[in-house]
């Protein structure tokens, strides 16, 4: 009986768990706490954390690929092995983008095309961090994947990393979504440090009304231009603008509703669990992961600062006043970054309403991060 009990214990995870796996499980618990208790990006952080939890269960086989057992029989792979194909094949992130497009109002950007420049400026952090990562010893593919964190766009970061440095998907996804959740904490000090009280109090003119024709032509023309200039960005931009066309055509409500709700949430579950399944100890418990976290902060900070500084310059050169705070919304954390600009502006002037003005750079940042990803893929894939 004792021998039977000992043999049984050898088949359990208790005697097969390494200390590295135990650490990763504890990290997954921390992420679950942040998502559930603190509310940090719970829609994606909960699936990521639980995927990490499952992937580090010893001898479960849930992340293993197909194999031939000792008897010569072919065995299928684990569940997470196949779900991960949605990332490896570049399927999940573009589908998320379609849902984002169906939810996004590009009206503020169309009404004020200058805000496209602010969205572009916020991508500055991506390329400066790319250079910093190269100097720290990362190769070009890894550096590009780390730099894209500065776009504050989780699906874009995952899409880029899956093609350039798939072994870094886990840490880069966790870093990207962590910083997205921390937008209200990270951005205000940067915004206040780079602007004066008078600049933060600037009231902007009301945006003009955007016609339905403009709204319909916008996703078509953006897809055409971006796809011709940066073909590697076609998957992300194409799905983003298809979702937006569902929204603006006003005749396919069921498609819009499906893309922005049921489909997007279903893909979010699979995307998160798949990302979590890549979070293994050999990648996370290393100095490399700490480097990714620090470079991610640099990317995010650089993008925020570049947007604010360009908005300050535009304010001095423009006939109409521009509140520099809206430049910070050029990072594509929609709509959180725009809300932060609104909150900081109202702290100085309670009658100031910057939300719609900030949405222009904010949605421009979504386009900008996709274009930046396309440039990196074109150069280093």
Protein backbone atom coordinates (compact mmCIF):
# COMPACT_ATOMS: atom_id res chain seq x y z
CA UNK A 1 0.00 0.00 0.00
CA UNK A 2 2.83 2.41 0.85
CA UNK A 3 4.55 1.71 -2.46
CA UNK A 4 1.30 2.42 -4.27
CA UNK A 5 0.92 5.72 -2.45
CA UNK A 6 4.52 6.73 -3.25
CA UNK A 7 4.06 5.81 -6.92
CA UNK A 8 0.87 7.86 -7.01
CA UNK A 9 2.63 10.89 -5.51
CA UNK A 10 5.26 10.68 -8.24
CA UNK A 11 2.52 11.18 -10.83
CA UNK A 12 1.19 14.34 -9.16
CA UNK A 13 2.41 17.86 -9.62
CA UNK A 14 3.50 18.21 -6.00
CA UNK A 15 6.71 16.24 -6.46
CA UNK A 16 7.34 17.53 -9.98
CA UNK A 17 7.05 21.27 -9.44
CA UNK A 18 10.24 23.31 -9.78
CA UNK A 19 10.90 26.45 -7.80
CA UNK A 20 10.73 28.44 -11.04
CA UNK A 21 7.23 27.16 -11.72
CA UNK A 22 6.21 28.00 -8.16
CA UNK A 23 7.46 31.58 -8.64
CA UNK A 24 5.54 31.94 -11.90
CA UNK A 25 2.36 30.69 -10.23
CA UNK A 26 2.82 33.30 -7.49
CA UNK A 27 3.30 35.99 -10.18
CA UNK A 28 0.06 34.86 -11.80
CA UNK A 29 -1.69 35.29 -8.44
CA UNK A 30 -0.30 38.84 -8.17
CA UNK A 31 -1.63 39.65 -11.65
CA UNK A 32 -5.04 38.22 -10.73
CA UNK A 33 -5.04 40.42 -7.62
CA UNK A 34 -4.20 43.52 -9.67
CA UNK A 35 -6.92 42.70 -12.19
CA UNK A 36 -9.72 41.70 -9.81
CA UNK A 37 -9.05 43.86 -6.75
CA UNK A 38 -7.35 46.89 -8.29
CA UNK A 39 -9.20 46.81 -11.62
CA UNK A 40 -6.05 47.00 -13.82
CA UNK A 41 -7.14 45.96 -17.35
CA UNK A 42 -9.20 43.04 -15.98
CA UNK A 43 -10.67 42.05 -19.36
CA UNK A 44 -7.27 40.90 -20.57
CA UNK A 45 -5.19 40.60 -17.41
CA UNK A 46 -7.45 37.91 -15.91
CA UNK A 47 -7.12 35.59 -18.96
CA UNK A 48 -3.37 36.31 -19.18
CA UNK A 49 -2.81 35.59 -15.50
CA UNK A 50 -4.88 32.41 -15.56
CA UNK A 51 -3.15 31.25 -18.75
CA UNK A 52 0.17 31.78 -16.94
CA UNK A 53 -1.20 29.83 -13.97
CA UNK A 54 -2.21 26.88 -16.18
CA UNK A 55 0.98 26.89 -18.25
CA UNK A 56 3.12 26.49 -15.14
CA UNK A 57 1.24 23.52 -13.74
CA UNK A 58 3.86 20.73 -13.69
CA UNK A 59 3.47 17.70 -16.00
CA UNK A 60 -0.04 18.79 -17.06
CA UNK A 61 0.91 18.74 -20.74
CA UNK A 62 -1.44 21.63 -21.40
CA UNK A 63 1.17 23.58 -23.38
CA UNK A 64 2.96 20.60 -24.95
CA UNK A 65 2.83 19.90 -28.66
CA UNK A 66 2.01 16.54 -30.30
CA UNK A 67 4.37 13.72 -29.39
CA UNK A 68 4.93 9.97 -29.72
CA UNK A 69 4.62 8.08 -26.42
CA UNK A 70 6.77 5.20 -25.23
CA UNK A 71 4.51 2.72 -27.01
CA UNK A 72 4.93 4.47 -30.34
CA UNK A 73 1.44 5.98 -30.34
CA UNK A 74 0.95 9.53 -31.59
CA UNK A 75 -0.59 11.82 -28.97
CA UNK A 76 -2.24 15.19 -29.60
CA UNK A 77 -0.92 18.36 -28.00
CA UNK A 78 -2.35 20.21 -25.02
CA UNK A 79 -5.18 22.73 -25.22
CA UNK A 80 -3.03 25.85 -24.91
CA UNK A 81 -0.65 24.60 -27.60
CA UNK A 82 -3.43 24.92 -30.17
CA UNK A 83 -4.95 28.14 -28.83
CA UNK A 84 -1.51 29.72 -29.17
CA UNK A 85 -1.77 29.28 -32.93
CA UNK A 86 -4.16 32.24 -32.98
CA UNK A 87 -1.20 34.43 -32.03
CA UNK A 88 1.48 32.59 -34.01
CA UNK A 89 -0.60 32.88 -37.19
CA UNK A 90 -1.41 36.56 -36.54
CA UNK A 91 -5.18 36.02 -36.21
CA UNK A 92 -6.24 37.24 -32.77
CA UNK A 93 -4.79 40.82 -32.72
CA UNK A 94 -6.38 41.89 -36.05
CA UNK A 95 -9.74 40.52 -34.89
CA UNK A 96 -9.42 42.59 -31.71
CA UNK A 97 -8.69 45.59 -33.94
CA UNK A 98 -11.91 44.97 -35.85
CA UNK A 99 -13.82 45.24 -32.57
CA UNK A 100 -11.91 48.38 -31.62
CA UNK A 101 -12.80 49.92 -34.99
CA UNK A 102 -16.47 49.13 -34.47
CA UNK A 103 -16.34 50.98 -31.15
CA UNK A 104 -14.27 53.97 -32.29
CA UNK A 105 -15.56 57.34 -33.41
CA UNK A 106 -13.01 58.86 -35.80
CA UNK A 107 -15.10 62.04 -36.03
CA UNK A 108 -12.79 64.16 -33.83
CA UNK A 109 -9.82 63.18 -35.99
CA UNK A 110 -11.68 63.94 -39.22
CA UNK A 111 -12.85 67.28 -37.83
CA UNK A 112 -9.32 68.24 -36.80
CA UNK A 113 -6.81 66.49 -39.12
CA UNK A 114 -3.92 68.25 -37.37
CA UNK A 115 -4.40 65.86 -34.47
CA UNK A 116 -2.99 63.15 -36.74
CA UNK A 117 0.40 64.80 -36.19
CA UNK A 118 -0.01 64.40 -32.44
CA UNK A 119 -0.79 60.71 -32.88
CA UNK A 120 2.34 60.38 -34.99
CA UNK A 121 4.50 62.28 -32.47
CA UNK A 122 3.47 59.91 -29.70
CA UNK A 123 5.13 57.07 -31.64
CA UNK A 124 8.47 58.79 -31.02
CA UNK A 125 8.93 56.67 -27.91
CA UNK A 126 8.78 53.48 -29.98
CA UNK A 127 11.79 54.32 -32.11
CA UNK A 128 13.93 55.92 -29.39
CA UNK A 129 13.37 52.87 -27.20
CA UNK A 130 14.23 50.66 -30.16
CA UNK A 131 17.64 52.35 -30.29
CA UNK A 132 18.02 52.04 -26.51
CA UNK A 133 17.27 48.32 -26.64
CA UNK A 134 19.87 47.85 -29.36
CA UNK A 135 22.46 49.57 -27.16
CA UNK A 136 21.55 47.25 -24.27
CA UNK A 137 22.29 44.18 -26.35
CA UNK A 138 18.92 43.14 -27.73
CA UNK A 139 18.86 42.21 -31.41
CA UNK A 140 16.85 44.25 -33.92
CA UNK A 141 13.79 41.98 -33.79
CA UNK A 142 13.69 42.00 -29.99
CA UNK A 143 14.31 45.75 -29.87
CA UNK A 144 11.44 46.41 -32.26
CA UNK A 145 9.11 44.27 -30.17
CA UNK A 146 10.12 46.07 -26.98
CA UNK A 147 9.82 49.51 -28.56
CA UNK A 148 6.24 48.90 -29.70
CA UNK A 149 5.22 48.89 -26.01
CA UNK A 150 5.45 52.68 -26.30
CA UNK A 151 2.40 52.67 -28.56
CA UNK A 152 0.31 51.68 -25.51
CA UNK A 153 -1.59 49.24 -27.71
CA UNK A 154 -1.63 45.66 -26.47
CA UNK A 155 -2.86 43.89 -29.64
CA UNK A 156 -0.29 45.75 -31.76
CA UNK A 157 2.50 44.80 -29.35
CA UNK A 158 1.42 41.16 -29.42
CA UNK A 159 1.05 41.12 -33.22
CA UNK A 160 4.50 42.63 -33.74
CA UNK A 161 6.21 40.43 -31.17
CA UNK A 162 4.61 37.25 -32.53
CA UNK A 163 6.37 37.86 -35.82
CA UNK A 164 9.64 39.41 -34.68
CA UNK A 165 10.43 37.84 -31.30
CA UNK A 166 7.81 35.21 -30.36
CA UNK A 167 9.87 34.07 -27.36
CA UNK A 168 9.15 37.48 -25.75
CA UNK A 169 5.36 37.51 -26.23
CA UNK A 170 4.65 36.83 -22.55
CA UNK A 171 6.78 39.55 -20.91
CA UNK A 172 6.04 42.15 -23.60
CA UNK A 173 2.27 41.56 -23.39
CA UNK A 174 2.31 41.78 -19.60
CA UNK A 175 4.43 44.95 -19.74
CA UNK A 176 2.25 46.55 -22.45
CA UNK A 177 -1.05 45.94 -20.66
CA UNK A 178 0.40 46.87 -17.27
CA UNK A 179 1.48 50.27 -18.57
CA UNK A 180 -1.85 50.75 -20.34
CA UNK A 181 -3.59 50.19 -17.02
CA UNK A 182 -1.22 52.67 -15.36
CA UNK A 183 -1.93 55.51 -17.83
CA UNK A 184 -3.71 57.60 -15.15
CA UNK A 185 -0.65 57.22 -12.91
CA UNK A 186 2.21 57.61 -15.39
CA UNK A 187 0.96 60.40 -17.64
CA UNK A 188 -0.18 63.28 -15.34
CA UNK A 189 3.27 63.99 -13.83
CA UNK A 190 4.80 64.13 -17.32
CA UNK A 191 2.01 66.37 -18.61
CA UNK A 192 2.31 68.79 -15.69
CA UNK A 193 6.11 68.89 -15.86
CA UNK A 194 6.07 69.90 -19.54
CA UNK A 195 3.26 72.49 -19.43
CA UNK A 196 2.49 75.69 -17.57
CA UNK A 197 -0.70 76.34 -15.63
CA UNK A 198 -1.79 78.82 -18.32
CA UNK A 199 -1.32 76.21 -21.04
CA UNK A 200 -3.31 73.62 -19.12
CA UNK A 201 -6.18 76.12 -18.76
CA UNK A 202 -6.49 76.76 -22.53
CA UNK A 203 -10.01 76.29 -23.87
CA UNK A 204 -10.30 75.00 -27.41
CA UNK A 205 -12.90 75.87 -30.06
CA UNK A 206 -15.75 73.45 -30.58
CA UNK A 207 -15.13 70.86 -33.30
CA UNK A 208 -17.10 71.08 -36.52
CA UNK A 209 -19.79 68.60 -37.46
CA UNK A 210 -18.51 65.69 -39.58
CA UNK A 211 -20.71 64.51 -42.45
CA UNK A 212 -21.73 60.89 -42.97
CA UNK A 213 -19.92 60.85 -46.32
CA UNK A 214 -16.66 61.81 -44.61
CA UNK A 215 -17.16 59.12 -42.00
CA UNK A 216 -17.69 56.44 -44.64
CA UNK A 217 -14.83 57.53 -46.90
CA UNK A 218 -12.35 57.82 -44.02
CA UNK A 219 -11.86 54.08 -43.26
CA UNK A 220 -11.69 53.25 -46.96
CA UNK A 221 -9.10 55.92 -47.77
CA UNK A 222 -6.98 55.22 -44.67
CA UNK A 223 -6.87 51.51 -45.53
CA UNK A 224 -5.89 52.30 -49.12
CA UNK A 225 -3.13 54.76 -48.24
CA UNK A 226 -1.61 52.87 -45.30
CA UNK A 227 -1.71 49.53 -47.11
CA UNK A 228 0.09 51.00 -50.12
CA UNK A 229 2.70 52.84 -48.04
CA UNK A 230 3.27 50.18 -45.34
CA UNK A 231 1.95 46.84 -46.67
CA UNK A 232 2.96 45.01 -43.48
CA UNK A 233 0.38 47.05 -41.54
CA UNK A 234 -2.52 45.94 -43.76
CA UNK A 235 -3.80 43.23 -41.38
CA UNK A 236 -4.14 45.60 -38.43
CA UNK A 237 -5.31 48.69 -40.32
CA UNK A 238 -7.63 46.71 -42.58
CA UNK A 239 -9.47 45.04 -39.70
CA UNK A 240 -9.58 48.29 -37.70
CA UNK A 241 -11.17 50.16 -40.59
CA UNK A 242 -13.52 47.31 -41.50
CA UNK A 243 -14.92 47.47 -37.98
CA UNK A 244 -15.25 51.24 -38.28
CA UNK A 245 -17.04 50.88 -41.61
CA UNK A 246 -19.53 48.56 -39.90
CA UNK A 247 -20.16 51.39 -37.45
CA UNK A 248 -20.37 54.30 -39.87
CA UNK A 249 -22.38 52.66 -42.67
CA UNK A 250 -25.40 52.53 -40.32
CA UNK A 251 -26.89 49.57 -42.20
CA UNK A 252 -25.15 46.57 -40.60
CA UNK A 253 -25.96 47.00 -36.93
CA UNK A 254 -25.77 43.26 -36.26
CA UNK A 255 -22.26 43.06 -37.70
CA UNK A 256 -21.17 46.12 -35.72
CA UNK A 257 -22.66 44.74 -32.53
CA UNK A 258 -21.09 41.31 -33.05
CA UNK A 259 -17.65 42.73 -33.86
CA UNK A 260 -17.64 45.12 -30.91
CA UNK A 261 -19.13 42.76 -28.35
CA UNK A 262 -19.45 38.97 -28.69
CA UNK A 263 -16.61 38.41 -31.15
CA UNK A 264 -14.17 40.82 -29.53
CA UNK A 265 -14.73 39.44 -26.04
CA UNK A 266 -14.43 35.86 -27.26
CA UNK A 267 -11.14 36.62 -29.02
CA UNK A 268 -9.95 38.54 -25.96
CA UNK A 269 -10.34 35.40 -23.86
CA UNK A 270 -8.34 33.28 -26.29
CA UNK A 271 -5.73 36.00 -26.81
CA UNK A 272 -5.19 36.48 -23.09
CA UNK A 273 -4.96 32.78 -22.28
CA UNK A 274 -2.60 32.21 -25.20
CA UNK A 275 -0.34 35.07 -24.11
CA UNK A 276 -0.32 33.75 -20.55
CA UNK A 277 0.67 30.31 -21.78
CA UNK A 278 3.95 31.76 -23.10
CA UNK A 279 4.88 33.12 -19.65
CA UNK A 280 7.43 30.53 -18.65
CA UNK A 281 10.06 30.86 -15.96
CA UNK A 282 13.05 30.86 -18.31
CA UNK A 283 11.83 34.15 -19.83
CA UNK A 284 10.31 35.91 -16.82
CA UNK A 285 12.83 35.04 -14.12
CA UNK A 286 15.74 36.76 -15.82
CA UNK A 287 17.46 40.15 -16.05
CA UNK A 288 16.07 40.37 -19.59
CA UNK A 289 12.52 40.75 -18.25
CA UNK A 290 13.60 43.59 -15.96
CA UNK A 291 15.21 45.26 -18.97
CA UNK A 292 11.95 44.95 -20.91
CA UNK A 293 10.00 46.56 -18.07
CA UNK A 294 12.41 49.49 -17.82
CA UNK A 295 12.54 50.01 -21.59
CA UNK A 296 8.74 49.83 -21.70
CA UNK A 297 8.52 52.70 -19.21
CA UNK A 298 10.99 54.67 -21.33
CA UNK A 299 8.93 54.03 -24.48
CA UNK A 300 5.70 55.09 -22.83
CA UNK A 301 7.24 58.16 -21.24
CA UNK A 302 8.91 59.21 -24.48
CA UNK A 303 5.68 58.90 -26.45
CA UNK A 304 3.71 60.95 -23.92
CA UNK A 305 6.36 63.66 -23.76
CA UNK A 306 6.72 63.90 -27.54
CA UNK A 307 2.98 64.35 -27.98
CA UNK A 308 2.80 67.12 -25.36
CA UNK A 309 5.83 68.96 -26.75
CA UNK A 310 4.51 68.89 -30.32
CA UNK A 311 1.14 70.19 -29.10
CA UNK A 312 2.97 73.05 -27.36
CA UNK A 313 4.72 73.90 -30.63
CA UNK A 314 1.46 73.68 -32.61
CA UNK A 315 -0.19 76.00 -30.09
CA UNK A 316 2.46 78.65 -30.72
CA UNK A 317 2.23 78.30 -34.50
CA UNK A 318 -1.53 77.93 -34.87
CA UNK A 319 -4.06 80.74 -35.17
CA UNK A 320 -6.48 78.88 -32.90
CA UNK A 321 -5.38 77.84 -29.43
CA UNK A 322 -4.40 74.22 -28.75
CA UNK A 323 -4.20 72.86 -25.22
CA UNK A 324 -0.90 70.90 -25.03
CA UNK A 325 -2.50 68.33 -22.74
CA UNK A 326 -4.27 66.70 -25.70
CA UNK A 327 -0.87 65.73 -27.12
CA UNK A 328 -0.47 63.15 -24.36
CA UNK A 329 -3.50 61.31 -25.76
CA UNK A 330 -1.50 60.42 -28.87
CA UNK A 331 -0.59 57.11 -27.25
CA UNK A 332 -3.29 54.70 -28.34
CA UNK A 333 -4.75 53.68 -24.99
CA UNK A 334 -8.31 54.44 -26.15
CA UNK A 335 -10.16 56.13 -24.52
CA UNK A 336 -8.21 56.18 -21.26
CA UNK A 337 -5.49 58.57 -22.43
CA UNK A 338 -8.12 61.06 -23.68
CA UNK A 339 -9.88 60.89 -20.32
CA UNK A 340 -6.62 61.62 -18.50
CA UNK A 341 -6.16 64.77 -20.61
CA UNK A 342 -9.71 65.79 -19.70
CA UNK A 343 -9.15 65.19 -15.97
CA UNK A 344 -5.84 67.08 -15.82
CA UNK A 345 -7.35 69.98 -17.78
CA UNK A 346 -10.34 70.23 -15.47
CA UNK A 347 -8.11 70.26 -12.41
CA UNK A 348 -6.85 73.65 -13.59
CA UNK A 349 -10.11 74.89 -15.09
CA UNK A 350 -13.33 73.05 -14.12
CA UNK A 351 -15.17 74.53 -17.12
CA UNK A 352 -12.64 73.13 -19.60
CA UNK A 353 -13.83 70.18 -21.70
CA UNK A 354 -10.99 68.57 -23.62
CA UNK A 355 -12.32 65.04 -24.07
CA UNK A 356 -13.48 65.28 -27.69
CA UNK A 357 -10.39 67.28 -28.67
CA UNK A 358 -8.17 64.64 -27.03
CA UNK A 359 -10.01 61.83 -28.82
CA UNK A 360 -8.56 63.08 -32.12
CA UNK A 361 -4.92 62.36 -31.16
CA UNK A 362 -6.07 59.28 -29.25
CA UNK A 363 -7.61 57.51 -32.25
CA UNK A 364 -4.78 58.84 -34.43
CA UNK A 365 -2.46 57.01 -32.06
CA UNK A 366 -4.21 53.72 -32.86
CA UNK A 367 -3.46 54.28 -36.54
CA UNK A 368 0.05 55.49 -35.72
CA UNK A 369 0.95 52.44 -33.64
CA UNK A 370 -0.27 50.12 -36.41
CA UNK A 371 1.82 52.01 -38.96
CA UNK A 372 4.86 51.92 -36.65
CA UNK A 373 4.39 48.16 -36.27
CA UNK A 374 4.20 47.83 -40.05
CA UNK A 375 7.46 49.77 -40.45
CA UNK A 376 9.23 47.53 -37.92
CA UNK A 377 7.88 44.39 -39.59
CA UNK A 378 8.92 45.63 -43.02
CA UNK A 379 12.46 46.32 -41.84
CA UNK A 380 13.19 43.38 -39.55
CA UNK A 381 10.87 40.46 -40.26
